């Protein structure tokens, strides 16, 4: 799905919520790449979107926690503004 110039992993457009799932492996150059998602999240926030990020391991090892956090974000105080 596209939001502005970005392709996002999961989007709840009405709630203006984006979920991003980060890859399985952390490459050796990851420190250099960490600023990219932060800048992207900041630009999406300026457009009014909230972004939640989960790692591969969180999704694999704690799917109920991830699902609970997503549900909470969808019904949280900013949902349905």
PDB file of N, CA and C in Angstrom:
ATOM      1  N   UNK A   1       0.828  -1.163   0.000  1.00  0.00           N
ATOM      2  CA  UNK A   1       0.000   0.000   0.000  1.00  0.00           C
ATOM      3  C   UNK A   1       0.885   1.244   0.000  1.00  0.00           C
ATOM      4  N   UNK A   2       0.394   2.282  -0.608  1.00  0.00           N
ATOM      5  CA  UNK A   2       1.162   3.525  -0.687  1.00  0.00           C
ATOM      6  C   UNK A   2       0.551   4.578   0.237  1.00  0.00           C
ATOM      7  N   UNK A   3       1.441   5.265   0.920  1.00  0.00           N
ATOM      8  CA  UNK A   3       1.075   6.443   1.701  1.00  0.00           C
ATOM      9  C   UNK A   3       2.076   7.509   1.290  1.00  0.00           C
ATOM     10  N   UNK A   4       1.589   8.513   0.593  1.00  0.00           N
ATOM     11  CA  UNK A   4       2.511   9.504   0.046  1.00  0.00           C
ATOM     12  C   UNK A   4       3.500   8.823  -0.878  1.00  0.00           C
ATOM     13  N   UNK A   5       4.768   9.045  -0.638  1.00  0.00           N
ATOM     14  CA  UNK A   5       5.780   8.435  -1.500  1.00  0.00           C
ATOM     15  C   UNK A   5       6.283   7.100  -0.977  1.00  0.00           C
ATOM     16  N   UNK A   6       5.678   6.608   0.106  1.00  0.00           N
ATOM     17  CA  UNK A   6       6.157   5.396   0.751  1.00  0.00           C
ATOM     18  C   UNK A   6       5.240   4.207   0.508  1.00  0.00           C
ATOM     19  N   UNK A   7       5.846   3.042   0.415  1.00  0.00           N
ATOM     20  CA  UNK A   7       5.107   1.785   0.423  1.00  0.00           C
ATOM     21  C   UNK A   7       5.175   1.258   1.847  1.00  0.00           C
ATOM     22  N   UNK A   8       4.020   0.958   2.422  1.00  0.00           N
ATOM     23  CA  UNK A   8       3.968   0.493   3.805  1.00  0.00           C
ATOM     24  C   UNK A   8       3.522  -0.963   3.828  1.00  0.00           C
ATOM     25  N   UNK A   9       3.864  -1.650   4.926  1.00  0.00           N
ATOM     26  CA  UNK A   9       3.528  -3.066   5.029  1.00  0.00           C
ATOM     27  C   UNK A   9       2.031  -3.276   5.262  1.00  0.00           C
ATOM     28  N   UNK A  10       1.478  -2.586   6.253  1.00  0.00           N
ATOM     29  CA  UNK A  10       0.063  -2.725   6.592  1.00  0.00           C
ATOM     30  C   UNK A  10      -0.499  -1.341   6.885  1.00  0.00           C
ATOM     31  N   UNK A  11      -1.721  -1.104   6.445  1.00  0.00           N
ATOM     32  CA  UNK A  11      -2.325   0.214   6.593  1.00  0.00           C
ATOM     33  C   UNK A  11      -3.787   0.099   6.987  1.00  0.00           C
ATOM     34  N   UNK A  12      -4.146   0.814   8.032  1.00  0.00           N
ATOM     35  CA  UNK A  12      -5.542   1.043   8.382  1.00  0.00           C
ATOM     36  C   UNK A  12      -5.772   2.521   8.093  1.00  0.00           C
ATOM     37  N   UNK A  13      -6.291   2.798   6.911  1.00  0.00           N
ATOM     38  CA  UNK A  13      -6.374   4.178   6.422  1.00  0.00           C
ATOM     39  C   UNK A  13      -7.291   5.039   7.294  1.00  0.00           C
ATOM     40  N   UNK A  14      -8.465   4.536   7.629  1.00  0.00           N
ATOM     41  CA  UNK A  14      -9.412   5.328   8.415  1.00  0.00           C
ATOM     42  C   UNK A  14      -8.828   5.711   9.770  1.00  0.00           C
ATOM     43  N   UNK A  15      -8.100   4.776  10.371  1.00  0.00           N
ATOM     44  CA  UNK A  15      -7.495   5.024  11.683  1.00  0.00           C
ATOM     45  C   UNK A  15      -6.139   5.711  11.567  1.00  0.00           C
ATOM     46  N   UNK A  16      -5.665   5.846  10.322  1.00  0.00           N
ATOM     47  CA  UNK A  16      -4.358   6.454  10.049  1.00  0.00           C
ATOM     48  C   UNK A  16      -3.244   5.745  10.822  1.00  0.00           C
ATOM     49  N   UNK A  17      -3.292   4.417  10.780  1.00  0.00           N
ATOM     50  CA  UNK A  17      -2.323   3.572  11.472  1.00  0.00           C
ATOM     51  C   UNK A  17      -1.550   2.747  10.457  1.00  0.00           C
ATOM     52  N   UNK A  18      -0.241   2.757  10.597  1.00  0.00           N
ATOM     53  CA  UNK A  18       0.660   1.984   9.749  1.00  0.00           C
ATOM     54  C   UNK A  18       1.396   0.992  10.629  1.00  0.00           C
ATOM     55  N   UNK A  19       1.488  -0.244  10.176  1.00  0.00           N
ATOM     56  CA  UNK A  19       2.290  -1.257  10.855  1.00  0.00           C
ATOM     57  C   UNK A  19       3.421  -1.634   9.912  1.00  0.00           C
ATOM     58  N   UNK A  20       4.635  -1.578  10.420  1.00  0.00           N
ATOM     59  CA  UNK A  20       5.815  -1.974   9.646  1.00  0.00           C
ATOM     60  C   UNK A  20       6.454  -3.176  10.323  1.00  0.00           C
ATOM     61  N   UNK A  21       6.823  -4.158   9.528  1.00  0.00           N
ATOM     62  CA  UNK A  21       7.500  -5.348  10.028  1.00  0.00           C
ATOM     63  C   UNK A  21       8.906  -5.345   9.463  1.00  0.00           C
ATOM     64  N   UNK A  22       9.874  -5.333  10.355  1.00  0.00           N
ATOM     65  CA  UNK A  22      11.264  -5.279   9.951  1.00  0.00           C
ATOM     66  C   UNK A  22      11.762  -6.682   9.623  1.00  0.00           C
ATOM     67  N   UNK A  23      12.772  -6.756   8.779  1.00  0.00           N
ATOM     68  CA  UNK A  23      13.274  -8.015   8.251  1.00  0.00           C
ATOM     69  C   UNK A  23      13.856  -8.953   9.282  1.00  0.00           C
ATOM     70  N   UNK A  24      14.111 -10.168   8.837  1.00  0.00           N
ATOM     71  CA  UNK A  24      14.611 -11.254   9.676  1.00  0.00           C
ATOM     72  C   UNK A  24      16.007 -10.970  10.206  1.00  0.00           C
ATOM     73  N   UNK A  25      16.903 -10.612   9.336  1.00  0.00           N
ATOM     74  CA  UNK A  25      18.299 -10.412   9.719  1.00  0.00           C
ATOM     75  C   UNK A  25      18.614  -8.928   9.853  1.00  0.00           C
ATOM     76  N   UNK A  26      19.507  -8.611  10.754  1.00  0.00           N
ATOM     77  CA  UNK A  26      20.007  -7.257  10.873  1.00  0.00           C
ATOM     78  C   UNK A  26      21.344  -7.208  10.160  1.00  0.00           C
ATOM     79  N   UNK A  27      21.424  -6.494   9.045  1.00  0.00           N
ATOM     80  CA  UNK A  27      22.690  -6.460   8.304  1.00  0.00           C
ATOM     81  C   UNK A  27      23.766  -5.706   9.065  1.00  0.00           C
ATOM     82  N   UNK A  28      25.037  -5.971   8.747  1.00  0.00           N
ATOM     83  CA  UNK A  28      26.126  -5.308   9.456  1.00  0.00           C
ATOM     84  C   UNK A  28      26.085  -3.786   9.338  1.00  0.00           C
ATOM     85  N   UNK A  29      25.499  -3.281   8.284  1.00  0.00           N
ATOM     86  CA  UNK A  29      25.438  -1.840   8.080  1.00  0.00           C
ATOM     87  C   UNK A  29      24.151  -1.252   8.659  1.00  0.00           C
ATOM     88  N   UNK A  30      23.474  -1.985   9.553  1.00  0.00           N
ATOM     89  CA  UNK A  30      22.168  -1.563  10.072  1.00  0.00           C
ATOM     90  C   UNK A  30      22.228  -0.237  10.814  1.00  0.00           C
ATOM     91  N   UNK A  31      23.311   0.035  11.500  1.00  0.00           N
ATOM     92  CA  UNK A  31      23.387   1.301  12.238  1.00  0.00           C
ATOM     93  C   UNK A  31      23.193   2.484  11.301  1.00  0.00           C
ATOM     94  N   UNK A  32      23.738   2.377  10.112  1.00  0.00           N
ATOM     95  CA  UNK A  32      23.601   3.443   9.120  1.00  0.00           C
ATOM     96  C   UNK A  32      22.155   3.526   8.620  1.00  0.00           C
ATOM     97  N   UNK A  33      21.466   2.399   8.582  1.00  0.00           N
ATOM     98  CA  UNK A  33      20.108   2.364   8.041  1.00  0.00           C
ATOM     99  C   UNK A  33      19.042   2.760   9.061  1.00  0.00           C
ATOM    100  N   UNK A  34      19.381   2.727  10.358  1.00  0.00           N
ATOM    101  CA  UNK A  34      18.374   3.003  11.383  1.00  0.00           C
ATOM    102  C   UNK A  34      17.748   4.371  11.255  1.00  0.00           C
ATOM    103  N   UNK A  35      18.483   5.332  10.749  1.00  0.00           N
ATOM    104  CA  UNK A  35      17.918   6.679  10.636  1.00  0.00           C
ATOM    105  C   UNK A  35      16.859   6.747   9.542  1.00  0.00           C
ATOM    106  N   UNK A  36      16.923   5.863   8.557  1.00  0.00           N
ATOM    107  CA  UNK A  36      15.916   5.905   7.479  1.00  0.00           C
ATOM    108  C   UNK A  36      14.510   5.641   7.987  1.00  0.00           C
ATOM    109  N   UNK A  37      14.273   4.535   8.744  1.00  0.00           N
ATOM    110  CA  UNK A  37      12.904   4.337   9.256  1.00  0.00           C
ATOM    111  C   UNK A  37      12.460   5.460  10.178  1.00  0.00           C
ATOM    112  N   UNK A  38      13.374   6.017  10.941  1.00  0.00           N
ATOM    113  CA  UNK A  38      12.991   7.108  11.842  1.00  0.00           C
ATOM    114  C   UNK A  38      12.575   8.347  11.056  1.00  0.00           C
ATOM    115  N   UNK A  39      13.318   8.657  10.024  1.00  0.00           N
ATOM    116  CA  UNK A  39      12.940   9.797   9.184  1.00  0.00           C
ATOM    117  C   UNK A  39      11.612   9.529   8.493  1.00  0.00           C
ATOM    118  N   UNK A  40      11.457   8.323   7.984  1.00  0.00           N
ATOM    119  CA  UNK A  40      10.213   7.934   7.315  1.00  0.00           C
ATOM    120  C   UNK A  40       9.038   8.041   8.280  1.00  0.00           C
ATOM    121  N   UNK A  41       9.197   7.504   9.499  1.00  0.00           N
ATOM    122  CA  UNK A  41       8.126   7.583  10.497  1.00  0.00           C
ATOM    123  C   UNK A  41       7.796   9.031  10.826  1.00  0.00           C
ATOM    124  N   UNK A  42       8.810   9.884  10.910  1.00  0.00           N
ATOM    125  CA  UNK A  42       8.582  11.301  11.192  1.00  0.00           C
ATOM    126  C   UNK A  42       7.801  11.958  10.049  1.00  0.00           C
ATOM    127  N   UNK A  43       8.170  11.646   8.824  1.00  0.00           N
ATOM    128  CA  UNK A  43       7.449  12.229   7.676  1.00  0.00           C
ATOM    129  C   UNK A  43       6.003  11.745   7.635  1.00  0.00           C
ATOM    130  N   UNK A  44       5.781  10.476   7.947  1.00  0.00           N
ATOM    131  CA  UNK A  44       4.418   9.952   7.980  1.00  0.00           C
ATOM    132  C   UNK A  44       3.629  10.570   9.139  1.00  0.00           C
ATOM    133  N   UNK A  45       4.288  10.824  10.261  1.00  0.00           N
ATOM    134  CA  UNK A  45       3.621  11.473  11.398  1.00  0.00           C
ATOM    135  C   UNK A  45       3.179  12.887  11.031  1.00  0.00           C
ATOM    136  N   UNK A  46       3.986  13.578  10.270  1.00  0.00           N
ATOM    137  CA  UNK A  46       3.615  14.927   9.818  1.00  0.00           C
ATOM    138  C   UNK A  46       2.332  14.868   8.992  1.00  0.00           C
ATOM    139  N   UNK A  47       2.148  13.755   8.257  1.00  0.00           N
ATOM    140  CA  UNK A  47       0.930  13.569   7.468  1.00  0.00           C
ATOM    141  C   UNK A  47      -0.245  13.099   8.338  1.00  0.00           C
ATOM    142  N   UNK A  48       0.023  12.824   9.631  1.00  0.00           N
ATOM    143  CA  UNK A  48      -1.036  12.418  10.543  1.00  0.00           C
ATOM    144  C   UNK A  48      -1.094  10.939  10.847  1.00  0.00           C
ATOM    145  N   UNK A  49      -0.140  10.151  10.355  1.00  0.00           N
ATOM    146  CA  UNK A  49      -0.140   8.706  10.562  1.00  0.00           C
ATOM    147  C   UNK A  49       0.666   8.320  11.792  1.00  0.00           C
ATOM    148  N   UNK A  50       0.199   7.285  12.471  1.00  0.00           N
ATOM    149  CA  UNK A  50       0.967   6.659  13.547  1.00  0.00           C
ATOM    150  C   UNK A  50       1.593   5.398  12.964  1.00  0.00           C
ATOM    151  N   UNK A  51       2.828   5.118  13.345  1.00  0.00           N
ATOM    152  CA  UNK A  51       3.513   3.929  12.857  1.00  0.00           C
ATOM    153  C   UNK A  51       3.959   3.078  14.030  1.00  0.00           C
ATOM    154  N   UNK A  52       3.593   1.805  13.989  1.00  0.00           N
ATOM    155  CA  UNK A  52       4.116   0.824  14.939  1.00  0.00           C
ATOM    156  C   UNK A  52       5.062  -0.080  14.173  1.00  0.00           C
ATOM    157  N   UNK A  53       6.211  -0.380  14.762  1.00  0.00           N
ATOM    158  CA  UNK A  53       7.205  -1.249  14.123  1.00  0.00           C
ATOM    159  C   UNK A  53       7.411  -2.493  14.968  1.00  0.00           C
ATOM    160  N   UNK A  54       7.472  -3.624  14.289  1.00  0.00           N
ATOM    161  CA  UNK A  54       7.731  -4.897  14.945  1.00  0.00           C
ATOM    162  C   UNK A  54       8.831  -5.618  14.194  1.00  0.00           C
ATOM    163  N   UNK A  55       9.674  -6.311  14.944  1.00  0.00           N
ATOM    164  CA  UNK A  55      10.733  -7.102  14.321  1.00  0.00           C
ATOM    165  C   UNK A  55      10.174  -8.456  13.898  1.00  0.00           C
ATOM    166  N   UNK A  56      10.932  -9.124  13.055  1.00  0.00           N
ATOM    167  CA  UNK A  56      10.573 -10.482  12.644  1.00  0.00           C
ATOM    168  C   UNK A  56      10.409 -11.373  13.876  1.00  0.00           C
ATOM    169  N   UNK A  57      11.342 -11.257  14.807  1.00  0.00           N
ATOM    170  CA  UNK A  57      11.305 -12.118  16.000  1.00  0.00           C
ATOM    171  C   UNK A  57      10.076 -11.833  16.868  1.00  0.00           C
ATOM    172  N   UNK A  58       9.680 -10.574  16.975  1.00  0.00           N
ATOM    173  CA  UNK A  58       8.472 -10.263  17.738  1.00  0.00           C
ATOM    174  C   UNK A  58       7.252 -10.920  17.097  1.00  0.00           C
ATOM    175  N   UNK A  59       7.146 -10.808  15.783  1.00  0.00           N
ATOM    176  CA  UNK A  59       5.991 -11.390  15.082  1.00  0.00           C
ATOM    177  C   UNK A  59       6.019 -12.910  15.206  1.00  0.00           C
ATOM    178  N   UNK A  60       7.199 -13.500  15.070  1.00  0.00           N
ATOM    179  CA  UNK A  60       7.327 -14.967  15.132  1.00  0.00           C
ATOM    180  C   UNK A  60       7.131 -15.494  16.550  1.00  0.00           C
ATOM    181  N   UNK A  61       7.792 -14.853  17.532  1.00  0.00           N
ATOM    182  CA  UNK A  61       7.832 -15.405  18.885  1.00  0.00           C
ATOM    183  C   UNK A  61       6.732 -14.897  19.805  1.00  0.00           C
ATOM    184  N   UNK A  62       6.162 -13.741  19.485  1.00  0.00           N
ATOM    185  CA  UNK A  62       5.150 -13.141  20.357  1.00  0.00           C
ATOM    186  C   UNK A  62       3.954 -12.636  19.555  1.00  0.00           C
ATOM    187  N   UNK A  63       3.356 -13.492  18.732  1.00  0.00           N
ATOM    188  CA  UNK A  63       2.265 -13.000  17.875  1.00  0.00           C
ATOM    189  C   UNK A  63       1.073 -12.468  18.663  1.00  0.00           C
ATOM    190  N   UNK A  64       0.796 -13.038  19.822  1.00  0.00           N
ATOM    191  CA  UNK A  64      -0.342 -12.552  20.603  1.00  0.00           C
ATOM    192  C   UNK A  64      -0.067 -11.168  21.176  1.00  0.00           C
ATOM    193  N   UNK A  65       1.169 -10.914  21.560  1.00  0.00           N
ATOM    194  CA  UNK A  65       1.541  -9.587  22.052  1.00  0.00           C
ATOM    195  C   UNK A  65       1.422  -8.562  20.930  1.00  0.00           C
ATOM    196  N   UNK A  66       1.951  -8.915  19.755  1.00  0.00           N
ATOM    197  CA  UNK A  66       1.880  -8.008  18.597  1.00  0.00           C
ATOM    198  C   UNK A  66       0.418  -7.719  18.263  1.00  0.00           C
ATOM    199  N   UNK A  67      -0.401  -8.767  18.200  1.00  0.00           N
ATOM    200  CA  UNK A  67      -1.821  -8.581  17.882  1.00  0.00           C
ATOM    201  C   UNK A  67      -2.508  -7.701  18.922  1.00  0.00           C
ATOM    202  N   UNK A  68      -2.184  -7.908  20.184  1.00  0.00           N
ATOM    203  CA  UNK A  68      -2.773  -7.098  21.255  1.00  0.00           C
ATOM    204  C   UNK A  68      -2.384  -5.626  21.121  1.00  0.00           C
ATOM    205  N   UNK A  69      -1.134  -5.373  20.797  1.00  0.00           N
ATOM    206  CA  UNK A  69      -0.683  -3.990  20.622  1.00  0.00           C
ATOM    207  C   UNK A  69      -1.369  -3.324  19.433  1.00  0.00           C
ATOM    208  N   UNK A  70      -1.537  -4.064  18.353  1.00  0.00           N
ATOM    209  CA  UNK A  70      -2.217  -3.508  17.180  1.00  0.00           C
ATOM    210  C   UNK A  70      -3.670  -3.204  17.523  1.00  0.00           C
ATOM    211  N   UNK A  71      -4.338  -4.153  18.195  1.00  0.00           N
ATOM    212  CA  UNK A  71      -5.735  -3.910  18.597  1.00  0.00           C
ATOM    213  C   UNK A  71      -5.839  -2.684  19.503  1.00  0.00           C
ATOM    214  N   UNK A  72      -4.918  -2.570  20.450  1.00  0.00           N
ATOM    215  CA  UNK A  72      -4.933  -1.414  21.354  1.00  0.00           C
ATOM    216  C   UNK A  72      -4.744  -0.108  20.590  1.00  0.00           C
ATOM    217  N   UNK A  73      -3.848  -0.119  19.612  1.00  0.00           N
ATOM    218  CA  UNK A  73      -3.631   1.086  18.802  1.00  0.00           C
ATOM    219  C   UNK A  73      -4.876   1.439  17.996  1.00  0.00           C
ATOM    220  N   UNK A  74      -5.580   0.420  17.523  1.00  0.00           N
ATOM    221  CA  UNK A  74      -6.776   0.674  16.719  1.00  0.00           C
ATOM    222  C   UNK A  74      -7.917   1.248  17.546  1.00  0.00           C
ATOM    223  N   UNK A  75      -7.963   0.919  18.823  1.00  0.00           N
ATOM    224  CA  UNK A  75      -9.063   1.440  19.657  1.00  0.00           C
ATOM    225  C   UNK A  75      -8.588   2.462  20.666  1.00  0.00           C
ATOM    226  N   UNK A  76      -7.313   2.872  20.553  1.00  0.00           N
ATOM    227  CA  UNK A  76      -6.722   3.818  21.494  1.00  0.00           C
ATOM    228  C   UNK A  76      -7.317   5.207  21.372  1.00  0.00           C
ATOM    229  N   UNK A  77      -6.823   6.139  22.174  1.00  0.00           N
ATOM    230  CA  UNK A  77      -7.399   7.482  22.231  1.00  0.00           C
ATOM    231  C   UNK A  77      -7.281   8.255  20.926  1.00  0.00           C
ATOM    232  N   UNK A  78      -6.331   7.879  20.071  1.00  0.00           N
ATOM    233  CA  UNK A  78      -6.192   8.590  18.799  1.00  0.00           C
ATOM    234  C   UNK A  78      -6.937   7.906  17.663  1.00  0.00           C
ATOM    235  N   UNK A  79      -7.484   6.727  17.921  1.00  0.00           N
ATOM    236  CA  UNK A  79      -8.181   5.977  16.874  1.00  0.00           C
ATOM    237  C   UNK A  79      -9.465   6.707  16.473  1.00  0.00           C
ATOM    238  N   UNK A  80      -9.734   6.655  15.182  1.00  0.00           N
ATOM    239  CA  UNK A  80     -10.968   7.217  14.662  1.00  0.00           C
ATOM    240  C   UNK A  80     -11.097   8.712  14.800  1.00  0.00           C
ATOM    241  N   UNK A  81      -9.971   9.426  14.815  1.00  0.00           N
ATOM    242  CA  UNK A  81     -10.041  10.881  14.961  1.00  0.00           C
ATOM    243  C   UNK A  81     -10.793  11.495  13.825  1.00  0.00           C
TER     244      UNK A  81
END
